[in-house]
All heavy atoms as atom14 arrays in JSON, in Angstrom:
{
  "sequence": "DAELRYTPQNQAVATFTLAVNRPFKNQNGEREADFINCVAFGRTAEFA",
  "atom14_mask": [
    [1, 1, 1, 1, 1, 1, 1, 1, 0, 0, 0, 0, 0, 0],
    [1, 1, 1, 1, 1, 0, 0, 0, 0, 0, 0, 0, 0, 0],
    [1, 1, 1, 1, 1, 1, 1, 1, 1, 0, 0, 0, 0, 0],
    [1, 1, 1, 1, 1, 1, 1, 1, 0, 0, 0, 0, 0, 0],
    [1, 1, 1, 1, 1, 1, 1, 1, 1, 1, 1, 0, 0, 0],
    [1, 1, 1, 1, 1, 1, 1, 1, 1, 1, 1, 1, 0, 0],
    [1, 1, 1, 1, 1, 1, 1, 0, 0, 0, 0, 0, 0, 0],
    [1, 1, 1, 1, 1, 1, 1, 0, 0, 0, 0, 0, 0, 0],
    [1, 1, 1, 1, 1, 1, 1, 1, 1, 0, 0, 0, 0, 0],
    [1, 1, 1, 1, 1, 1, 1, 1, 0, 0, 0, 0, 0, 0],
    [1, 1, 1, 1, 1, 1, 1, 1, 1, 0, 0, 0, 0, 0],
    [1, 1, 1, 1, 1, 0, 0, 0, 0, 0, 0, 0, 0, 0],
    [1, 1, 1, 1, 1, 1, 1, 0, 0, 0, 0, 0, 0, 0],
    [1, 1, 1, 1, 1, 0, 0, 0, 0, 0, 0, 0, 0, 0],
    [1, 1, 1, 1, 1, 1, 1, 0, 0, 0, 0, 0, 0, 0],
    [1, 1, 1, 1, 1, 1, 1, 1, 1, 1, 1, 0, 0, 0],
    [1, 1, 1, 1, 1, 1, 1, 0, 0, 0, 0, 0, 0, 0],
    [1, 1, 1, 1, 1, 1, 1, 1, 0, 0, 0, 0, 0, 0],
    [1, 1, 1, 1, 1, 0, 0, 0, 0, 0, 0, 0, 0, 0],
    [1, 1, 1, 1, 1, 1, 1, 0, 0, 0, 0, 0, 0, 0],
    [1, 1, 1, 1, 1, 1, 1, 1, 0, 0, 0, 0, 0, 0],
    [1, 1, 1, 1, 1, 1, 1, 1, 1, 1, 1, 0, 0, 0],
    [1, 1, 1, 1, 1, 1, 1, 0, 0, 0, 0, 0, 0, 0],
    [1, 1, 1, 1, 1, 1, 1, 1, 1, 1, 1, 0, 0, 0],
    [1, 1, 1, 1, 1, 1, 1, 1, 1, 0, 0, 0, 0, 0],
    [1, 1, 1, 1, 1, 1, 1, 1, 0, 0, 0, 0, 0, 0],
    [1, 1, 1, 1, 1, 1, 1, 1, 1, 0, 0, 0, 0, 0],
    [1, 1, 1, 1, 1, 1, 1, 1, 0, 0, 0, 0, 0, 0],
    [1, 1, 1, 1, 0, 0, 0, 0, 0, 0, 0, 0, 0, 0],
    [1, 1, 1, 1, 1, 1, 1, 1, 1, 0, 0, 0, 0, 0],
    [1, 1, 1, 1, 1, 1, 1, 1, 1, 1, 1, 0, 0, 0],
    [1, 1, 1, 1, 1, 1, 1, 1, 1, 0, 0, 0, 0, 0],
    [1, 1, 1, 1, 1, 0, 0, 0, 0, 0, 0, 0, 0, 0],
    [1, 1, 1, 1, 1, 1, 1, 1, 0, 0, 0, 0, 0, 0],
    [1, 1, 1, 1, 1, 1, 1, 1, 1, 1, 1, 0, 0, 0],
    [1, 1, 1, 1, 1, 1, 1, 1, 0, 0, 0, 0, 0, 0],
    [1, 1, 1, 1, 1, 1, 1, 1, 0, 0, 0, 0, 0, 0],
    [1, 1, 1, 1, 1, 1, 0, 0, 0, 0, 0, 0, 0, 0],
    [1, 1, 1, 1, 1, 1, 1, 0, 0, 0, 0, 0, 0, 0],
    [1, 1, 1, 1, 1, 0, 0, 0, 0, 0, 0, 0, 0, 0],
    [1, 1, 1, 1, 1, 1, 1, 1, 1, 1, 1, 0, 0, 0],
    [1, 1, 1, 1, 0, 0, 0, 0, 0, 0, 0, 0, 0, 0],
    [1, 1, 1, 1, 1, 1, 1, 1, 1, 1, 1, 0, 0, 0],
    [1, 1, 1, 1, 1, 1, 1, 0, 0, 0, 0, 0, 0, 0],
    [1, 1, 1, 1, 1, 0, 0, 0, 0, 0, 0, 0, 0, 0],
    [1, 1, 1, 1, 1, 1, 1, 1, 1, 0, 0, 0, 0, 0],
    [1, 1, 1, 1, 1, 1, 1, 1, 1, 1, 1, 0, 0, 0],
    [1, 1, 1, 1, 1, 0, 0, 0, 0, 0, 0, 0, 0, 0]
  ],
  "atom14_positions": [
    [[0.84, -1.2, 0.0], [0.0, 0.0, 0.0], [0.88, 1.25, 0.0], [1.97, 1.27, 0.58], [-0.89, 0.03, 1.24], [-1.9, -1.1, 1.28], [-1.97, -1.87, 0.31], [-2.6, -1.21, 2.29], [0.0, 0.0, 0.0], [0.0, 0.0, 0.0], [0.0, 0.0, 0.0], [0.0, 0.0, 0.0], [0.0, 0.0, 0.0], [0.0, 0.0, 0.0]],
    [[0.38, 2.3, -0.66], [1.09, 3.58, -0.67], [1.12, 4.16, 0.74], [0.16, 4.03, 1.5], [0.42, 4.56, -1.63], [0.0, 0.0, 0.0], [0.0, 0.0, 0.0], [0.0, 0.0, 0.0], [0.0, 0.0, 0.0], [0.0, 0.0, 0.0], [0.0, 0.0, 0.0], [0.0, 0.0, 0.0], [0.0, 0.0, 0.0], [0.0, 0.0, 0.0]],
    [[2.25, 4.78, 1.1], [2.41, 5.4, 2.42], [2.34, 6.91, 2.27], [3.06, 7.5, 1.47], [3.76, 5.03, 3.03], [3.9, 3.56, 3.35], [5.25, 3.24, 3.97], [5.88, 4.15, 4.54], [5.65, 2.08, 3.88], [0.0, 0.0, 0.0], [0.0, 0.0, 0.0], [0.0, 0.0, 0.0], [0.0, 0.0, 0.0], [0.0, 0.0, 0.0]],
    [[1.47, 7.54, 3.06], [1.27, 8.98, 2.99], [1.91, 9.66, 4.2], [1.74, 9.21, 5.34], [-0.23, 9.31, 2.96], [-0.6, 10.79, 2.82], [-0.14, 11.33, 1.47], [-2.09, 10.97, 3.0], [0.0, 0.0, 0.0], [0.0, 0.0, 0.0], [0.0, 0.0, 0.0], [0.0, 0.0, 0.0], [0.0, 0.0, 0.0], [0.0, 0.0, 0.0]],
    [[2.64, 10.73, 3.93], [3.24, 11.57, 4.98], [2.99, 13.02, 4.6], [2.61, 13.32, 3.47], [4.75, 11.31, 5.07], [5.1, 9.91, 5.5], [6.6, 9.8, 5.8], [6.9, 8.43, 6.15], [7.56, 7.58, 5.38], [8.01, 7.96, 4.2], [7.79, 6.35, 5.78], [0.0, 0.0, 0.0], [0.0, 0.0, 0.0], [0.0, 0.0, 0.0]],
    [[3.25, 13.91, 5.55], [3.11, 15.34, 5.29], [4.41, 16.04, 5.65], [5.04, 15.71, 6.65], [1.95, 15.94, 6.09], [0.6, 15.52, 5.55], [-0.02, 14.36, 6.0], [-0.02, 16.26, 4.56], [-1.25, 13.97, 5.49], [-1.25, 15.88, 4.04], [-1.86, 14.73, 4.51], [-3.06, 14.33, 3.99], [0.0, 0.0, 0.0], [0.0, 0.0, 0.0]],
    [[4.8, 17.02, 4.84], [5.99, 17.82, 5.11], [5.65, 18.82, 6.21], [4.48, 19.02, 6.53], [6.44, 18.57, 3.84], [5.43, 19.53, 3.51], [6.69, 17.63, 2.68], [0.0, 0.0, 0.0], [0.0, 0.0, 0.0], [0.0, 0.0, 0.0], [0.0, 0.0, 0.0], [0.0, 0.0, 0.0], [0.0, 0.0, 0.0], [0.0, 0.0, 0.0]],
    [[6.67, 19.48, 6.79], [6.38, 20.53, 7.79], [5.51, 21.66, 7.23], [4.81, 22.34, 7.96], [7.77, 21.05, 8.17], [8.67, 19.89, 7.91], [8.09, 19.19, 6.7], [0.0, 0.0, 0.0], [0.0, 0.0, 0.0], [0.0, 0.0, 0.0], [0.0, 0.0, 0.0], [0.0, 0.0, 0.0], [0.0, 0.0, 0.0], [0.0, 0.0, 0.0]],
    [[5.52, 21.84, 5.91], [4.67, 22.85, 5.27], [3.29, 22.29, 4.94], [2.51, 22.9, 4.21], [5.33, 23.37, 3.98], [6.62, 24.13, 4.21], [7.81, 23.21, 4.48], [7.82, 22.04, 4.08], [8.8, 23.73, 5.17], [0.0, 0.0, 0.0], [0.0, 0.0, 0.0], [0.0, 0.0, 0.0], [0.0, 0.0, 0.0], [0.0, 0.0, 0.0]],
    [[2.97, 21.09, 5.45], [1.68, 20.41, 5.29], [1.39, 20.0, 3.85], [0.25, 19.96, 3.42], [0.54, 21.27, 5.85], [-0.64, 20.42, 6.26], [-0.46, 19.29, 6.7], [-1.83, 20.96, 6.13], [0.0, 0.0, 0.0], [0.0, 0.0, 0.0], [0.0, 0.0, 0.0], [0.0, 0.0, 0.0], [0.0, 0.0, 0.0], [0.0, 0.0, 0.0]],
    [[2.45, 19.66, 3.08], [2.26, 19.14, 1.73], [2.27, 17.61, 1.8], [3.16, 17.01, 2.4], [3.35, 19.61, 0.77], [3.13, 19.09, -0.65], [4.19, 19.56, -1.62], [5.2, 20.15, -1.24], [3.97, 19.3, -2.89], [0.0, 0.0, 0.0], [0.0, 0.0, 0.0], [0.0, 0.0, 0.0], [0.0, 0.0, 0.0], [0.0, 0.0, 0.0]],
    [[1.28, 16.98, 1.16], [1.18, 15.53, 1.16], [2.26, 14.92, 0.26], [2.51, 15.41, -0.84], [-0.2, 15.1, 0.67], [0.0, 0.0, 0.0], [0.0, 0.0, 0.0], [0.0, 0.0, 0.0], [0.0, 0.0, 0.0], [0.0, 0.0, 0.0], [0.0, 0.0, 0.0], [0.0, 0.0, 0.0], [0.0, 0.0, 0.0], [0.0, 0.0, 0.0]],
    [[2.87, 13.83, 0.73], [3.88, 13.09, -0.03], [3.59, 11.6, 0.15], [3.56, 11.11, 1.27], [5.31, 13.4, 0.46], [6.33, 12.62, -0.34], [5.6, 14.88, 0.4], [0.0, 0.0, 0.0], [0.0, 0.0, 0.0], [0.0, 0.0, 0.0], [0.0, 0.0, 0.0], [0.0, 0.0, 0.0], [0.0, 0.0, 0.0], [0.0, 0.0, 0.0]],
    [[3.38, 10.89, -0.96], [3.14, 9.45, -0.91], [4.31, 8.73, -1.56], [4.84, 9.17, -2.58], [1.85, 9.09, -1.63], [0.0, 0.0, 0.0], [0.0, 0.0, 0.0], [0.0, 0.0, 0.0], [0.0, 0.0, 0.0], [0.0, 0.0, 0.0], [0.0, 0.0, 0.0], [0.0, 0.0, 0.0], [0.0, 0.0, 0.0], [0.0, 0.0, 0.0]],
    [[4.71, 7.62, -0.95], [5.76, 6.79, -1.53], [5.2, 5.39, -1.73], [4.4, 4.9, -0.93], [6.99, 6.72, -0.61], [6.6, 6.25, 0.67], [7.65, 8.08, -0.46], [0.0, 0.0, 0.0], [0.0, 0.0, 0.0], [0.0, 0.0, 0.0], [0.0, 0.0, 0.0], [0.0, 0.0, 0.0], [0.0, 0.0, 0.0], [0.0, 0.0, 0.0]],
    [[5.62, 4.76, -2.83], [5.21, 3.4, -3.14], [6.19, 2.8, -4.12], [7.0, 3.52, -4.73], [3.77, 3.36, -3.69], [3.52, 4.25, -4.87], [3.62, 3.76, -6.16], [3.16, 5.57, -4.7], [3.38, 4.57, -7.26], [2.92, 6.39, -5.79], [3.03, 5.89, -7.06], [0.0, 0.0, 0.0], [0.0, 0.0, 0.0], [0.0, 0.0, 0.0]],
    [[6.13, 1.49, -4.27], [7.01, 0.78, -5.19], [6.18, -0.02, -6.17], [5.22, -0.68, -5.79], [7.95, -0.16, -4.42], [8.69, 0.6, -3.47], [8.91, -0.88, -5.35], [0.0, 0.0, 0.0], [0.0, 0.0, 0.0], [0.0, 0.0, 0.0], [0.0, 0.0, 0.0], [0.0, 0.0, 0.0], [0.0, 0.0, 0.0], [0.0, 0.0, 0.0]],
    [[6.56, 0.07, -7.46], [5.9, -0.7, -8.51], [6.81, -1.82, -8.97], [8.0, -1.61, -9.18], [5.6, 0.19, -9.73], [4.46, 1.17, -9.65], [4.33, 1.89, -10.98], [3.18, 0.5, -9.28], [0.0, 0.0, 0.0], [0.0, 0.0, 0.0], [0.0, 0.0, 0.0], [0.0, 0.0, 0.0], [0.0, 0.0, 0.0], [0.0, 0.0, 0.0]],
    [[6.23, -3.01, -9.15], [6.93, -4.13, -9.77], [6.54, -4.12, -11.24], [5.39, -4.37, -11.59], [6.54, -5.45, -9.12], [0.0, 0.0, 0.0], [0.0, 0.0, 0.0], [0.0, 0.0, 0.0], [0.0, 0.0, 0.0], [0.0, 0.0, 0.0], [0.0, 0.0, 0.0], [0.0, 0.0, 0.0], [0.0, 0.0, 0.0], [0.0, 0.0, 0.0]],
    [[7.5, -3.8, -12.1], [7.25, -3.68, -13.54], [7.91, -4.86, -14.24], [9.14, -5.01, -14.19], [7.81, -2.34, -14.08], [7.58, -2.24, -15.57], [7.19, -1.17, -13.34], [0.0, 0.0, 0.0], [0.0, 0.0, 0.0], [0.0, 0.0, 0.0], [0.0, 0.0, 0.0], [0.0, 0.0, 0.0], [0.0, 0.0, 0.0], [0.0, 0.0, 0.0]],
    [[7.1, -5.69, -14.89], [7.63, -6.86, -15.59], [8.44, -6.45, -16.8], [8.08, -5.5, -17.52], [6.49, -7.78, -16.05], [5.92, -8.59, -14.93], [6.57, -8.84, -13.92], [4.68, -9.0, -15.08], [0.0, 0.0, 0.0], [0.0, 0.0, 0.0], [0.0, 0.0, 0.0], [0.0, 0.0, 0.0], [0.0, 0.0, 0.0], [0.0, 0.0, 0.0]],
    [[9.53, -7.16, -17.03], [10.32, -6.95, -18.24], [9.61, -7.63, -19.41], [8.9, -8.63, -19.21], [11.71, -7.54, -18.05], [12.5, -6.77, -17.01], [13.89, -7.32, -16.86], [14.62, -6.53, -15.87], [15.83, -6.83, -15.46], [16.46, -7.88, -15.93], [16.42, -6.07, -14.56], [0.0, 0.0, 0.0], [0.0, 0.0, 0.0], [0.0, 0.0, 0.0]],
    [[9.77, -7.13, -20.63], [9.01, -7.67, -21.76], [9.56, -8.99, -22.32], [9.06, -9.49, -23.31], [9.1, -6.56, -22.81], [10.37, -5.85, -22.49], [10.51, -5.94, -20.99], [0.0, 0.0, 0.0], [0.0, 0.0, 0.0], [0.0, 0.0, 0.0], [0.0, 0.0, 0.0], [0.0, 0.0, 0.0], [0.0, 0.0, 0.0], [0.0, 0.0, 0.0]],
    [[10.57, -9.56, -21.68], [11.17, -10.8, -22.17], [11.38, -11.76, -21.01], [11.29, -11.37, -19.85], [12.51, -10.51, -22.86], [13.44, -9.67, -22.03], [14.28, -10.27, -21.1], [13.48, -8.3, -22.17], [15.13, -9.51, -20.31], [14.33, -7.52, -21.38], [15.16, -8.14, -20.47], [0.0, 0.0, 0.0], [0.0, 0.0, 0.0], [0.0, 0.0, 0.0]],
    [[11.66, -13.0, -21.32], [11.9, -14.02, -20.29], [13.4, -14.28, -20.18], [14.13, -14.11, -21.14], [11.15, -15.3, -20.63], [9.64, -15.12, -20.63], [8.93, -16.4, -20.98], [7.43, -16.16, -21.0], [6.68, -17.37, -21.34], [0.0, 0.0, 0.0], [0.0, 0.0, 0.0], [0.0, 0.0, 0.0], [0.0, 0.0, 0.0], [0.0, 0.0, 0.0]],
    [[13.84, -14.73, -19.01], [15.25, -15.05, -18.82], [15.56, -16.43, -19.41], [14.71, -17.06, -20.02], [15.64, -14.96, -17.34], [14.93, -15.96, -16.47], [14.33, -16.93, -16.93], [15.0, -15.74, -15.16], [0.0, 0.0, 0.0], [0.0, 0.0, 0.0], [0.0, 0.0, 0.0], [0.0, 0.0, 0.0], [0.0, 0.0, 0.0], [0.0, 0.0, 0.0]],
    [[16.77, -16.91, -19.21], [17.19, -18.19, -19.78], [16.39, -19.37, -19.25], [16.28, -20.4, -19.9], [18.68, -18.42, -19.52], [19.56, -17.45, -20.28], [21.03, -17.66, -19.95], [21.38, -18.28, -18.96], [21.89, -17.1, -20.8], [0.0, 0.0, 0.0], [0.0, 0.0, 0.0], [0.0, 0.0, 0.0], [0.0, 0.0, 0.0], [0.0, 0.0, 0.0]],
    [[15.79, -19.22, -18.06], [14.97, -20.28, -17.47], [13.51, -20.19, -17.89], [12.69, -20.96, -17.41], [15.06, -20.23, -15.95], [16.47, -20.45, -15.45], [17.26, -21.15, -16.07], [16.8, -19.82, -14.33], [0.0, 0.0, 0.0], [0.0, 0.0, 0.0], [0.0, 0.0, 0.0], [0.0, 0.0, 0.0], [0.0, 0.0, 0.0], [0.0, 0.0, 0.0]],
    [[13.19, -19.25, -18.76], [11.82, -19.08, -19.22], [10.93, -18.34, -18.24], [9.71, -18.36, -18.38], [0.0, 0.0, 0.0], [0.0, 0.0, 0.0], [0.0, 0.0, 0.0], [0.0, 0.0, 0.0], [0.0, 0.0, 0.0], [0.0, 0.0, 0.0], [0.0, 0.0, 0.0], [0.0, 0.0, 0.0], [0.0, 0.0, 0.0], [0.0, 0.0, 0.0]],
    [[11.52, -17.66, -17.26], [10.75, -16.93, -16.25], [10.82, -15.44, -16.52], [11.82, -14.93, -17.01], [11.33, -17.21, -14.86], [11.31, -18.67, -14.46], [12.14, -18.93, -13.22], [13.0, -18.09, -12.87], [11.94, -19.99, -12.6], [0.0, 0.0, 0.0], [0.0, 0.0, 0.0], [0.0, 0.0, 0.0], [0.0, 0.0, 0.0], [0.0, 0.0, 0.0]],
    [[9.75, -14.76, -16.17], [9.73, -13.3, -16.29], [10.42, -12.68, -15.08], [10.24, -13.14, -13.95], [8.31, -12.77, -16.38], [7.65, -13.09, -17.68], [6.79, -11.93, -18.11], [6.09, -12.25, -19.34], [6.51, -11.92, -20.54], [7.63, -11.24, -20.68], [5.83, -12.24, -21.61], [0.0, 0.0, 0.0], [0.0, 0.0, 0.0], [0.0, 0.0, 0.0]],
    [[11.17, -11.63, -15.32], [11.79, -10.88, -14.24], [11.1, -9.52, -14.15], [10.44, -9.09, -15.09], [13.29, -10.69, -14.51], [14.05, -11.99, -14.48], [15.54, -11.81, -14.72], [15.97, -10.67, -14.99], [16.26, -12.81, -14.65], [0.0, 0.0, 0.0], [0.0, 0.0, 0.0], [0.0, 0.0, 0.0], [0.0, 0.0, 0.0], [0.0, 0.0, 0.0]],
    [[11.26, -8.88, -13.02], [10.63, -7.58, -12.81], [11.64, -6.59, -12.26], [12.61, -6.97, -11.6], [9.46, -7.71, -11.84], [0.0, 0.0, 0.0], [0.0, 0.0, 0.0], [0.0, 0.0, 0.0], [0.0, 0.0, 0.0], [0.0, 0.0, 0.0], [0.0, 0.0, 0.0], [0.0, 0.0, 0.0], [0.0, 0.0, 0.0], [0.0, 0.0, 0.0]],
    [[11.41, -5.33, -12.56], [12.17, -4.23, -11.97], [11.28, -3.59, -10.91], [10.07, -3.44, -11.12], [12.56, -3.2, -13.04], [13.54, -3.77, -14.03], [14.6, -4.25, -13.61], [13.24, -3.75, -15.24], [0.0, 0.0, 0.0], [0.0, 0.0, 0.0], [0.0, 0.0, 0.0], [0.0, 0.0, 0.0], [0.0, 0.0, 0.0], [0.0, 0.0, 0.0]],
    [[11.87, -3.21, -9.79], [11.12, -2.6, -8.7], [11.46, -1.11, -8.68], [12.59, -0.73, -8.38], [11.44, -3.29, -7.38], [10.96, -4.71, -7.37], [11.77, -5.73, -7.85], [9.69, -5.02, -6.93], [11.32, -7.05, -7.86], [9.23, -6.33, -6.94], [10.04, -7.34, -7.41], [0.0, 0.0, 0.0], [0.0, 0.0, 0.0], [0.0, 0.0, 0.0]],
    [[10.48, -0.29, -9.03], [10.68, 1.15, -9.21], [10.06, 1.89, -8.03], [8.86, 1.79, -7.77], [10.02, 1.64, -10.52], [10.37, 0.74, -11.71], [10.36, 3.1, -10.77], [11.83, 0.7, -12.06], [0.0, 0.0, 0.0], [0.0, 0.0, 0.0], [0.0, 0.0, 0.0], [0.0, 0.0, 0.0], [0.0, 0.0, 0.0], [0.0, 0.0, 0.0]],
    [[10.9, 2.66, -7.31], [10.41, 3.5, -6.21], [9.78, 4.76, -6.79], [10.38, 5.42, -7.66], [11.55, 3.87, -5.27], [12.11, 2.68, -4.56], [11.38, 1.77, -4.19], [13.42, 2.65, -4.38], [0.0, 0.0, 0.0], [0.0, 0.0, 0.0], [0.0, 0.0, 0.0], [0.0, 0.0, 0.0], [0.0, 0.0, 0.0], [0.0, 0.0, 0.0]],
    [[8.59, 5.11, -6.33], [7.85, 6.26, -6.85], [7.47, 7.19, -5.7], [7.26, 6.75, -4.57], [6.58, 5.8, -7.55], [6.86, 4.68, -8.93], [0.0, 0.0, 0.0], [0.0, 0.0, 0.0], [0.0, 0.0, 0.0], [0.0, 0.0, 0.0], [0.0, 0.0, 0.0], [0.0, 0.0, 0.0], [0.0, 0.0, 0.0], [0.0, 0.0, 0.0]],
    [[7.36, 8.48, -6.03], [6.94, 9.5, -5.07], [5.89, 10.37, -5.75], [6.06, 10.78, -6.9], [8.13, 10.39, -4.63], [7.69, 11.45, -3.64], [9.26, 9.56, -4.06], [0.0, 0.0, 0.0], [0.0, 0.0, 0.0], [0.0, 0.0, 0.0], [0.0, 0.0, 0.0], [0.0, 0.0, 0.0], [0.0, 0.0, 0.0], [0.0, 0.0, 0.0]],
    [[4.79, 10.63, -5.04], [3.73, 11.51, -5.54], [3.53, 12.64, -4.53], [3.73, 12.46, -3.32], [2.44, 10.73, -5.73], [0.0, 0.0, 0.0], [0.0, 0.0, 0.0], [0.0, 0.0, 0.0], [0.0, 0.0, 0.0], [0.0, 0.0, 0.0], [0.0, 0.0, 0.0], [0.0, 0.0, 0.0], [0.0, 0.0, 0.0], [0.0, 0.0, 0.0]],
    [[3.09, 13.8, -5.02], [2.92, 14.98, -4.18], [1.49, 15.52, -4.28], [0.8, 15.32, -5.26], [3.9, 16.08, -4.6], [5.34, 15.69, -4.45], [6.04, 15.16, -5.53], [5.99, 15.83, -3.25], [7.36, 14.77, -5.4], [7.32, 15.46, -3.11], [8.01, 14.93, -4.19], [0.0, 0.0, 0.0], [0.0, 0.0, 0.0], [0.0, 0.0, 0.0]],
    [[1.09, 16.24, -3.24], [-0.18, 16.97, -3.24], [-1.4, 16.06, -3.32], [-1.47, 15.02, -2.69], [0.0, 0.0, 0.0], [0.0, 0.0, 0.0], [0.0, 0.0, 0.0], [0.0, 0.0, 0.0], [0.0, 0.0, 0.0], [0.0, 0.0, 0.0], [0.0, 0.0, 0.0], [0.0, 0.0, 0.0], [0.0, 0.0, 0.0], [0.0, 0.0, 0.0]],
    [[-2.36, 16.48, -4.14], [-3.61, 15.71, -4.28], [-3.36, 14.34, -4.9], [-4.06, 13.38, -4.59], [-4.6, 16.5, -5.12], [-5.09, 17.77, -4.39], [-6.14, 18.52, -5.13], [-7.35, 17.7, -5.2], [-8.37, 17.95, -5.98], [-8.34, 19.01, -6.78], [-9.43, 17.18, -6.0], [0.0, 0.0, 0.0], [0.0, 0.0, 0.0], [0.0, 0.0, 0.0]],
    [[-2.34, 14.24, -5.75], [-2.0, 12.94, -6.33], [-1.54, 11.98, -5.24], [-1.88, 10.79, -5.25], [-0.89, 13.1, -7.39], [-1.33, 14.05, -8.37], [-0.58, 11.79, -8.07], [0.0, 0.0, 0.0], [0.0, 0.0, 0.0], [0.0, 0.0, 0.0], [0.0, 0.0, 0.0], [0.0, 0.0, 0.0], [0.0, 0.0, 0.0], [0.0, 0.0, 0.0]],
    [[-0.79, 12.48, -4.27], [-0.34, 11.66, -3.15], [-1.52, 11.18, -2.32], [-1.59, 10.01, -1.92], [0.63, 12.45, -2.27], [0.0, 0.0, 0.0], [0.0, 0.0, 0.0], [0.0, 0.0, 0.0], [0.0, 0.0, 0.0], [0.0, 0.0, 0.0], [0.0, 0.0, 0.0], [0.0, 0.0, 0.0], [0.0, 0.0, 0.0], [0.0, 0.0, 0.0]],
    [[-2.48, 12.06, -2.06], [-3.66, 11.67, -1.29], [-4.49, 10.64, -2.05], [-5.03, 9.71, -1.46], [-4.48, 12.91, -0.95], [-3.75, 13.81, 0.04], [-4.39, 15.17, 0.22], [-5.25, 15.56, -0.6], [-4.02, 15.85, 1.2], [0.0, 0.0, 0.0], [0.0, 0.0, 0.0], [0.0, 0.0, 0.0], [0.0, 0.0, 0.0], [0.0, 0.0, 0.0]],
    [[-4.59, 10.79, -3.38], [-5.3, 9.82, -4.21], [-4.6, 8.45, -4.13], [-5.26, 7.42, -3.97], [-5.34, 10.31, -5.66], [-6.02, 9.36, -6.59], [-7.38, 9.45, -6.82], [-5.3, 8.38, -7.26], [-8.02, 8.57, -7.69], [-5.92, 7.5, -8.12], [-7.29, 7.59, -8.33], [0.0, 0.0, 0.0], [0.0, 0.0, 0.0], [0.0, 0.0, 0.0]],
    [[-3.28, 8.46, -4.25], [-2.51, 7.21, -4.21], [-2.72, 6.5, -2.87], [-2.93, 5.29, -2.83], [-1.03, 7.48, -4.45], [0.0, 0.0, 0.0], [0.0, 0.0, 0.0], [0.0, 0.0, 0.0], [0.0, 0.0, 0.0], [0.0, 0.0, 0.0], [0.0, 0.0, 0.0], [0.0, 0.0, 0.0], [0.0, 0.0, 0.0], [0.0, 0.0, 0.0]]
  ]
}
C-alpha cells in the first residue's frame, strides 16, 4: 500500500514501489521484474 506523509509545510507526499515486468523471459523461461520506487505529491499523493 502507498504510504502517505506530510511535510512541515503540510504538503502531502506518498511513496510506493511498482513491480514492472520486463518484456522478455530469462534463460529459465521466467519473467523478471524491476522494482521502481515512486513518489507523488499533493492531491496525487492523497489519491494514491
